[in-house]
Amino acid sequence: MTGSFARQAQVVRALGSAFVAAVLEAGERQLYRAPLTARLIDDWPGDPAADALAMRFNGALHALARRGDDVALSALYARRGGDFDAVIGGAMADADGFIADWMREPPQTNEVARSAAIMAALMTLRAEVDRPVELLELGASAGLNLNLGRYAFDLGGVRVGQADSPVRIAPEWRGHPPLARPVEIVGARGVDLRPLSVGDPAARERLMAYVWADQPERADRLHHALAIARAHPPLLTRGDITDWLPLELSRPAGAGVCRVVVHAMSLQYCSPATHAAVATALATADTPIARIGFEWTEARDAVHLTLTTYPDGRARHLATCHAYGHWIDWHGPAAA
């Protein structure tokens, strides 16, 4: 799998992070100094791009830098520059086991900026199905996006959410503003194979390590979202999507409520069988029900925000988005 970090570095640089790109490029060149990590990558059974191996490696290095044990590495991250090969290579040699162990676990970004796209989709849905919603999130991580009703949004000039929230999300908006509709969330819960507890300092640190080191505004937003989640803990279940979703949908919905299944950068890690199980569960559920996806396309060349409503299964491509929610190119219905 030689070259996988360097290829991902090109993607990362295009997404606006020259520092993380330089870390990945140095990591590629210095892999020979970390035999455990190199062997893990060479023997990886799946698709390294789909499984985000480069982002796992970057998270491990950022975690080491945040710990502060490696003074040179911490200084490189603080300055956002220096002798990348010497410092990254030294860290890889000294912490080879830590890096390999970290990379065995899937990424945990739980980027709250993605909730801006989800909110825009919920407003679009409200124009079609004029009901309060109950959110069911697949691959919820720490459940931070289940608290989107507690965040403040500026969506192309359309301001929604909790105006005094410390989590303020205003993506660069391209295209016309979305429909301005009130969104009432009457319930929110999620599932994850390995949910993170916001009450666990190690879990909070893992989330912080996955924030790109040269994007402090993301770290600040995550810090505030974690504080909100500690005050209002998301309802999370440890389990498999294929078991959890059919069970949830078998329960009667609240009177006058539209259930909405949401997934943001999570189904890319799931098997075709899981995708099929989700589709079947939605197609056979009581309506009204909808699905909002924020996921890479199959070709992994763009992130699409989609809204599907049932029972007709009509899917709409509402927007093309930055992977971490920095910008939204809106194609959906326009505000009057």
Protein backbone atom coordinates (compact mmCIF):
# COMPACT_ATOMS: atom_id res chain seq x y z
CA MET A 1 0.00 0.00 0.00
CA THR A 2 2.96 2.26 -0.57
CA GLY A 3 1.86 5.74 -1.57
CA SER A 4 -1.49 5.73 0.29
CA PHE A 5 -0.43 8.52 2.69
CA ALA A 6 0.99 10.62 -0.14
CA ARG A 7 -2.21 10.24 -2.16
CA GLN A 8 -4.33 11.24 0.82
CA ALA A 9 -2.01 14.21 1.37
CA GLN A 10 -3.10 15.58 -2.00
CA VAL A 11 -6.74 15.33 -0.93
CA VAL A 12 -6.02 16.94 2.43
CA ARG A 13 -4.12 19.82 0.84
CA ALA A 14 -7.05 20.44 -1.51
CA LEU A 15 -9.33 20.51 1.55
CA GLY A 16 -7.23 23.33 3.00
CA SER A 17 -4.73 21.70 5.37
CA ALA A 18 -1.13 22.10 4.19
CA PHE A 19 0.17 21.11 7.62
CA VAL A 20 -1.64 17.75 7.78
CA ALA A 21 -0.59 17.08 4.18
CA ALA A 22 3.05 17.64 5.19
CA VAL A 23 2.63 15.29 8.18
CA LEU A 24 1.26 12.55 5.92
CA GLU A 25 3.99 13.01 3.33
CA ALA A 26 6.69 12.80 5.99
CA GLY A 27 4.97 9.76 7.48
CA GLU A 28 5.08 8.04 4.09
CA ARG A 29 8.81 8.72 3.75
CA GLN A 30 9.60 7.68 7.32
CA LEU A 31 7.55 4.47 7.49
CA TYR A 32 10.71 2.39 7.46
CA ARG A 33 11.41 3.67 10.99
CA ALA A 34 8.11 2.25 12.32
CA PRO A 35 8.03 -1.47 11.41
CA LEU A 36 4.85 -2.27 13.38
CA THR A 37 2.94 0.54 11.68
CA ALA A 38 4.36 -0.36 8.26
CA ARG A 39 3.37 -4.00 8.69
CA LEU A 40 -0.13 -3.02 9.79
CA ILE A 41 -0.56 -0.93 6.64
CA ASP A 42 0.93 -3.54 4.31
CA ASP A 43 -1.27 -6.31 5.74
CA TRP A 44 -4.44 -4.21 5.93
CA PRO A 45 -7.31 -6.45 4.76
CA GLY A 46 -9.62 -3.74 3.45
CA ASP A 47 -9.51 -0.60 1.33
CA PRO A 48 -7.02 1.84 2.92
CA ALA A 49 -8.85 4.85 1.50
CA ALA A 50 -12.33 3.72 2.58
CA ASP A 51 -10.97 2.77 6.01
CA ALA A 52 -9.20 6.14 6.31
CA LEU A 53 -5.80 4.73 7.29
CA ALA A 54 -4.08 8.02 6.58
CA MET A 55 -6.48 9.87 8.87
CA ARG A 56 -5.94 7.27 11.59
CA PHE A 57 -2.19 7.85 11.30
CA ASN A 58 -2.67 11.62 11.44
CA GLY A 59 -4.87 11.28 14.53
CA ALA A 60 -2.22 9.16 16.26
CA LEU A 61 0.50 11.75 15.58
CA HIS A 62 -1.73 14.59 16.78
CA ALA A 63 -2.55 12.63 19.95
CA LEU A 64 1.17 12.21 20.63
CA ALA A 65 1.76 15.92 20.04
CA ARG A 66 -1.07 16.87 22.39
CA ARG A 67 0.30 14.59 25.13
CA GLY A 68 3.52 16.58 25.19
CA ASP A 69 5.90 13.71 25.92
CA ASP A 70 7.76 14.25 22.64
CA VAL A 71 8.95 17.84 22.96
CA ALA A 72 10.12 18.12 19.36
CA LEU A 73 6.82 16.79 18.01
CA SER A 74 4.78 19.13 20.21
CA ALA A 75 6.90 22.05 19.05
CA LEU A 76 6.41 21.11 15.38
CA TYR A 77 2.65 21.14 15.90
CA ALA A 78 2.74 24.39 17.85
CA ARG A 79 4.78 26.14 15.13
CA ARG A 80 2.92 24.39 12.29
CA GLY A 81 6.27 23.87 10.62
CA GLY A 82 9.87 22.68 10.90
CA ASP A 83 11.91 19.65 9.88
CA PHE A 84 8.98 17.30 9.28
CA ASP A 85 11.03 14.26 8.32
CA ALA A 86 13.34 14.41 11.31
CA VAL A 87 10.61 15.09 13.87
CA ILE A 88 7.89 12.84 12.45
CA GLY A 89 10.40 10.06 11.81
CA GLY A 90 11.72 10.28 15.36
CA ALA A 91 8.20 10.17 16.80
CA MET A 92 7.33 7.16 14.65
CA ALA A 93 10.43 5.29 15.82
CA ASP A 94 9.79 6.07 19.49
CA ALA A 95 6.02 5.45 19.48
CA ASP A 96 5.61 2.76 16.82
CA GLY A 97 3.46 0.55 19.06
CA PHE A 98 1.20 3.41 20.12
CA ILE A 99 0.63 4.48 16.50
CA ALA A 100 -0.16 0.95 15.33
CA ASP A 101 -2.57 0.37 18.22
CA TRP A 102 -4.31 3.70 17.56
CA MET A 103 -4.72 2.89 13.85
CA ARG A 104 -6.52 -0.38 14.58
CA GLU A 105 -9.52 1.60 15.82
CA PRO A 106 -11.77 3.45 13.33
CA PRO A 107 -11.66 7.26 13.14
CA GLN A 108 -13.83 9.26 15.52
CA THR A 109 -14.22 12.71 14.05
CA ASN A 110 -17.87 13.45 14.97
CA GLU A 111 -17.45 16.83 13.25
CA VAL A 112 -20.29 19.07 14.43
CA ALA A 113 -19.98 21.43 11.44
CA ARG A 114 -21.64 18.69 9.38
CA SER A 115 -24.80 19.33 11.37
CA ALA A 116 -25.30 22.53 9.34
CA ALA A 117 -26.04 20.42 6.27
CA ILE A 118 -28.27 18.14 8.32
CA MET A 119 -30.21 21.15 9.63
CA ALA A 120 -30.67 22.48 6.08
CA ALA A 121 -32.02 19.07 5.04
CA LEU A 122 -34.38 19.03 8.04
CA MET A 123 -35.75 22.44 7.01
CA THR A 124 -36.31 21.11 3.50
CA LEU A 125 -38.09 18.09 4.93
CA ARG A 126 -40.30 20.32 7.11
CA ALA A 127 -41.56 22.07 3.98
CA GLU A 128 -42.70 18.68 2.65
CA VAL A 129 -43.73 16.91 5.86
CA ASP A 130 -44.99 19.51 8.30
CA ARG A 131 -44.27 17.59 11.50
CA PRO A 132 -41.82 17.53 14.38
CA VAL A 133 -39.01 15.02 13.91
CA GLU A 134 -37.37 12.23 15.86
CA LEU A 135 -33.73 11.65 14.89
CA LEU A 136 -32.17 8.18 14.64
CA GLU A 137 -28.44 8.45 13.89
CA LEU A 138 -26.38 5.59 12.47
CA GLY A 139 -22.72 5.55 13.46
CA ALA A 140 -23.25 8.33 15.97
CA SER A 141 -19.78 8.26 17.58
CA ALA A 142 -20.16 10.49 20.67
CA GLY A 143 -23.61 11.67 19.53
CA LEU A 144 -22.62 15.32 19.14
CA ASN A 145 -24.79 15.81 16.05
CA LEU A 146 -27.81 14.56 18.00
CA ASN A 147 -27.55 17.87 19.88
CA LEU A 148 -27.84 19.98 16.72
CA GLY A 149 -30.98 21.62 18.11
CA ARG A 150 -28.73 23.23 20.73
CA TYR A 151 -26.42 24.86 18.16
CA ALA A 152 -26.68 28.21 16.34
CA PHE A 153 -26.58 28.15 12.52
CA ASP A 154 -26.19 30.74 9.79
CA LEU A 155 -27.10 28.96 6.56
CA GLY A 156 -26.62 31.43 3.75
CA GLY A 157 -28.17 34.18 5.86
CA VAL A 158 -30.93 31.94 7.25
CA ARG A 159 -30.40 31.89 11.01
CA VAL A 160 -31.83 28.91 12.87
CA GLY A 161 -31.21 26.97 16.04
CA GLN A 162 -30.43 28.24 19.52
CA ALA A 163 -29.26 31.81 19.00
CA ASP A 164 -27.22 32.07 22.20
CA SER A 165 -25.38 28.76 21.75
CA PRO A 166 -21.58 28.77 22.13
CA VAL A 167 -21.49 26.39 19.16
CA ARG A 168 -21.91 28.69 16.17
CA ILE A 169 -21.81 27.12 12.72
CA ALA A 170 -21.73 29.31 9.63
CA PRO A 171 -20.37 27.39 6.63
CA GLU A 172 -19.39 29.20 3.47
CA TRP A 173 -22.68 29.06 1.59
CA ARG A 174 -22.68 28.65 -2.17
CA GLY A 175 -25.88 29.02 -4.12
CA HIS A 176 -29.22 30.34 -2.93
CA PRO A 177 -30.23 30.02 0.75
CA PRO A 178 -32.26 27.00 1.86
CA LEU A 179 -35.92 27.06 2.75
CA ALA A 180 -36.44 28.75 6.11
CA ARG A 181 -38.65 26.45 8.13
CA PRO A 182 -38.88 25.77 11.88
CA VAL A 183 -37.36 22.45 12.93
CA GLU A 184 -38.78 20.86 16.06
CA ILE A 185 -36.80 17.89 17.40
CA VAL A 186 -38.83 15.83 19.88
CA GLY A 187 -36.38 12.96 20.25
CA ALA A 188 -32.85 12.00 19.26
CA ARG A 189 -30.87 8.84 19.78
CA GLY A 190 -28.18 6.91 17.98
CA VAL A 191 -26.17 3.74 17.64
CA ASP A 192 -22.48 2.99 17.21
CA LEU A 193 -20.32 -0.10 17.42
CA ARG A 194 -17.97 1.80 19.72
CA PRO A 195 -19.81 4.85 21.04
CA LEU A 196 -17.67 7.42 22.82
CA SER A 197 -18.80 8.69 26.20
CA VAL A 198 -18.40 12.44 26.53
CA GLY A 199 -17.89 11.88 30.26
CA ASP A 200 -14.66 9.97 29.57
CA PRO A 201 -11.59 12.26 29.34
CA ALA A 202 -9.80 9.73 27.10
CA ALA A 203 -12.74 9.71 24.68
CA ARG A 204 -12.83 13.50 24.58
CA GLU A 205 -9.09 13.57 23.91
CA ARG A 206 -9.48 11.06 21.08
CA LEU A 207 -12.04 13.32 19.42
CA MET A 208 -9.77 16.35 19.83
CA ALA A 209 -6.84 14.46 18.29
CA TYR A 210 -8.86 13.83 15.12
CA VAL A 211 -9.30 17.58 14.57
CA TRP A 212 -6.69 18.77 12.08
CA ALA A 213 -4.02 20.62 14.00
CA ASP A 214 -3.97 23.70 11.74
CA GLN A 215 -7.71 24.31 12.11
CA PRO A 216 -8.12 25.76 15.63
CA GLU A 217 -11.66 26.96 14.93
CA ARG A 218 -12.73 23.33 14.60
CA ALA A 219 -11.08 22.48 17.91
CA ASP A 220 -12.83 25.40 19.61
CA ARG A 221 -16.21 24.34 18.21
CA LEU A 222 -15.63 20.75 19.33
CA HIS A 223 -14.65 21.93 22.81
CA HIS A 224 -17.98 23.77 23.18
CA ALA A 225 -19.98 20.89 21.66
CA LEU A 226 -18.43 18.48 24.18
CA ALA A 227 -19.38 20.83 27.02
CA ILE A 228 -22.98 20.90 25.77
CA ALA A 229 -22.99 17.11 25.47
CA ARG A 230 -21.76 16.72 29.05
CA ALA A 231 -24.66 18.89 30.19
CA HIS A 232 -27.13 17.15 27.84
CA PRO A 233 -25.77 13.61 27.24
CA PRO A 234 -26.85 12.12 23.91
CA LEU A 235 -28.83 8.89 24.05
CA LEU A 236 -26.51 6.26 22.55
CA THR A 237 -26.66 2.50 22.18
CA ARG A 238 -23.64 0.26 21.66
CA GLY A 239 -24.65 -2.10 18.90
CA ASP A 240 -24.83 -3.01 15.25
CA ILE A 241 -26.89 -0.92 12.84
CA THR A 242 -28.50 -4.02 11.34
CA ASP A 243 -29.92 -5.01 14.73
CA TRP A 244 -30.67 -1.58 16.15
CA LEU A 245 -32.43 0.14 13.25
CA PRO A 246 -35.14 -2.49 12.55
CA LEU A 247 -35.86 -2.65 16.28
CA GLU A 248 -36.19 1.12 16.56
CA LEU A 249 -38.43 1.31 13.51
CA SER A 250 -40.64 -1.48 14.81
CA ARG A 251 -41.64 0.71 17.73
CA PRO A 252 -44.61 3.00 17.15
CA ALA A 253 -43.62 6.56 16.37
CA GLY A 254 -45.04 9.37 18.45
CA ALA A 255 -48.32 10.81 17.27
CA GLY A 256 -47.75 13.38 14.54
CA VAL A 257 -43.98 12.74 14.40
CA CYS A 258 -41.79 12.07 11.37
CA ARG A 259 -38.83 9.80 12.10
CA VAL A 260 -35.58 10.72 10.34
CA VAL A 261 -32.68 8.31 9.95
CA VAL A 262 -29.43 10.29 9.75
CA HIS A 263 -25.88 9.23 8.90
CA ALA A 264 -22.85 11.47 8.38
CA MET A 265 -19.60 9.94 7.12
CA SER A 266 -20.41 6.63 8.79
CA LEU A 267 -21.86 4.28 6.18
CA GLN A 268 -18.60 4.37 4.23
CA TYR A 269 -17.25 2.03 6.91
CA CYS A 270 -20.16 -0.41 6.57
CA SER A 271 -20.47 -3.57 4.51
CA PRO A 272 -22.80 -3.97 1.51
CA ALA A 273 -24.94 -6.19 3.72
CA THR A 274 -25.39 -3.33 6.21
CA HIS A 275 -26.30 -0.92 3.41
CA ALA A 276 -28.90 -3.40 2.18
CA ALA A 277 -30.29 -3.90 5.69
CA VAL A 278 -30.69 -0.14 6.16
CA ALA A 279 -32.48 0.20 2.82
CA THR A 280 -34.83 -2.69 3.66
CA ALA A 281 -35.63 -1.35 7.13
CA LEU A 282 -36.52 2.06 5.71
CA ALA A 283 -38.56 0.68 2.81
CA THR A 284 -40.70 -1.43 5.14
CA ALA A 285 -41.11 1.04 8.02
CA ASP A 286 -44.27 2.90 8.88
CA THR A 287 -44.41 6.34 7.34
CA PRO A 288 -43.84 9.24 7.49
CA ILE A 289 -40.14 8.53 7.59
CA ALA A 290 -37.11 10.09 5.90
CA ARG A 291 -33.39 9.54 5.47
CA ILE A 292 -30.66 12.19 5.46
CA GLY A 293 -27.19 11.19 4.31
CA PHE A 294 -23.93 13.16 4.38
CA GLU A 295 -21.52 10.76 2.69
CA TRP A 296 -18.83 10.38 0.06
CA THR A 297 -20.05 9.33 -3.37
CA GLU A 298 -19.18 5.79 -4.42
CA ALA A 299 -16.29 7.20 -6.47
CA ARG A 300 -15.15 9.19 -3.40
CA ASP A 301 -14.86 12.32 -5.51
CA ALA A 302 -17.48 14.41 -3.68
CA VAL A 303 -19.55 14.52 -0.50
CA HIS A 304 -23.29 14.64 -1.15
CA LEU A 305 -26.10 15.69 1.15
CA THR A 306 -29.15 13.62 0.26
CA LEU A 307 -32.75 13.51 1.42
CA THR A 308 -34.95 10.48 0.77
CA THR A 309 -38.61 10.26 1.74
CA TYR A 310 -40.85 7.22 1.99
CA PRO A 311 -42.91 5.28 1.02
CA ASP A 312 -41.98 6.36 -2.53
CA GLY A 313 -38.23 6.26 -1.81
CA ARG A 314 -37.71 9.53 -3.68
CA ALA A 315 -34.09 10.65 -3.24
CA ARG A 316 -32.86 14.20 -3.76
CA HIS A 317 -29.29 15.50 -3.96
CA LEU A 318 -29.63 18.67 -1.88
CA ALA A 319 -26.01 19.81 -1.77
CA THR A 320 -22.38 19.05 -2.44
CA CYS A 321 -20.38 19.68 0.72
CA HIS A 322 -16.89 20.00 2.11
CA ALA A 323 -16.07 16.78 3.95
CA TYR A 324 -15.87 18.60 7.29
CA GLY A 325 -18.66 21.07 6.56
CA HIS A 326 -16.54 24.16 5.79
CA TRP A 327 -18.70 24.97 2.75
CA ILE A 328 -22.05 23.87 1.34
CA ASP A 329 -22.96 24.18 -2.35
CA TRP A 330 -26.75 24.15 -2.15
CA HIS A 331 -28.84 22.63 -4.96
CA GLY A 332 -32.06 22.13 -2.99
CA PRO A 333 -35.22 24.23 -2.74
CA ALA A 334 -34.59 27.94 -2.28
CA ALA A 335 -35.85 30.33 0.34
CA ALA A 336 -38.57 32.65 -0.84
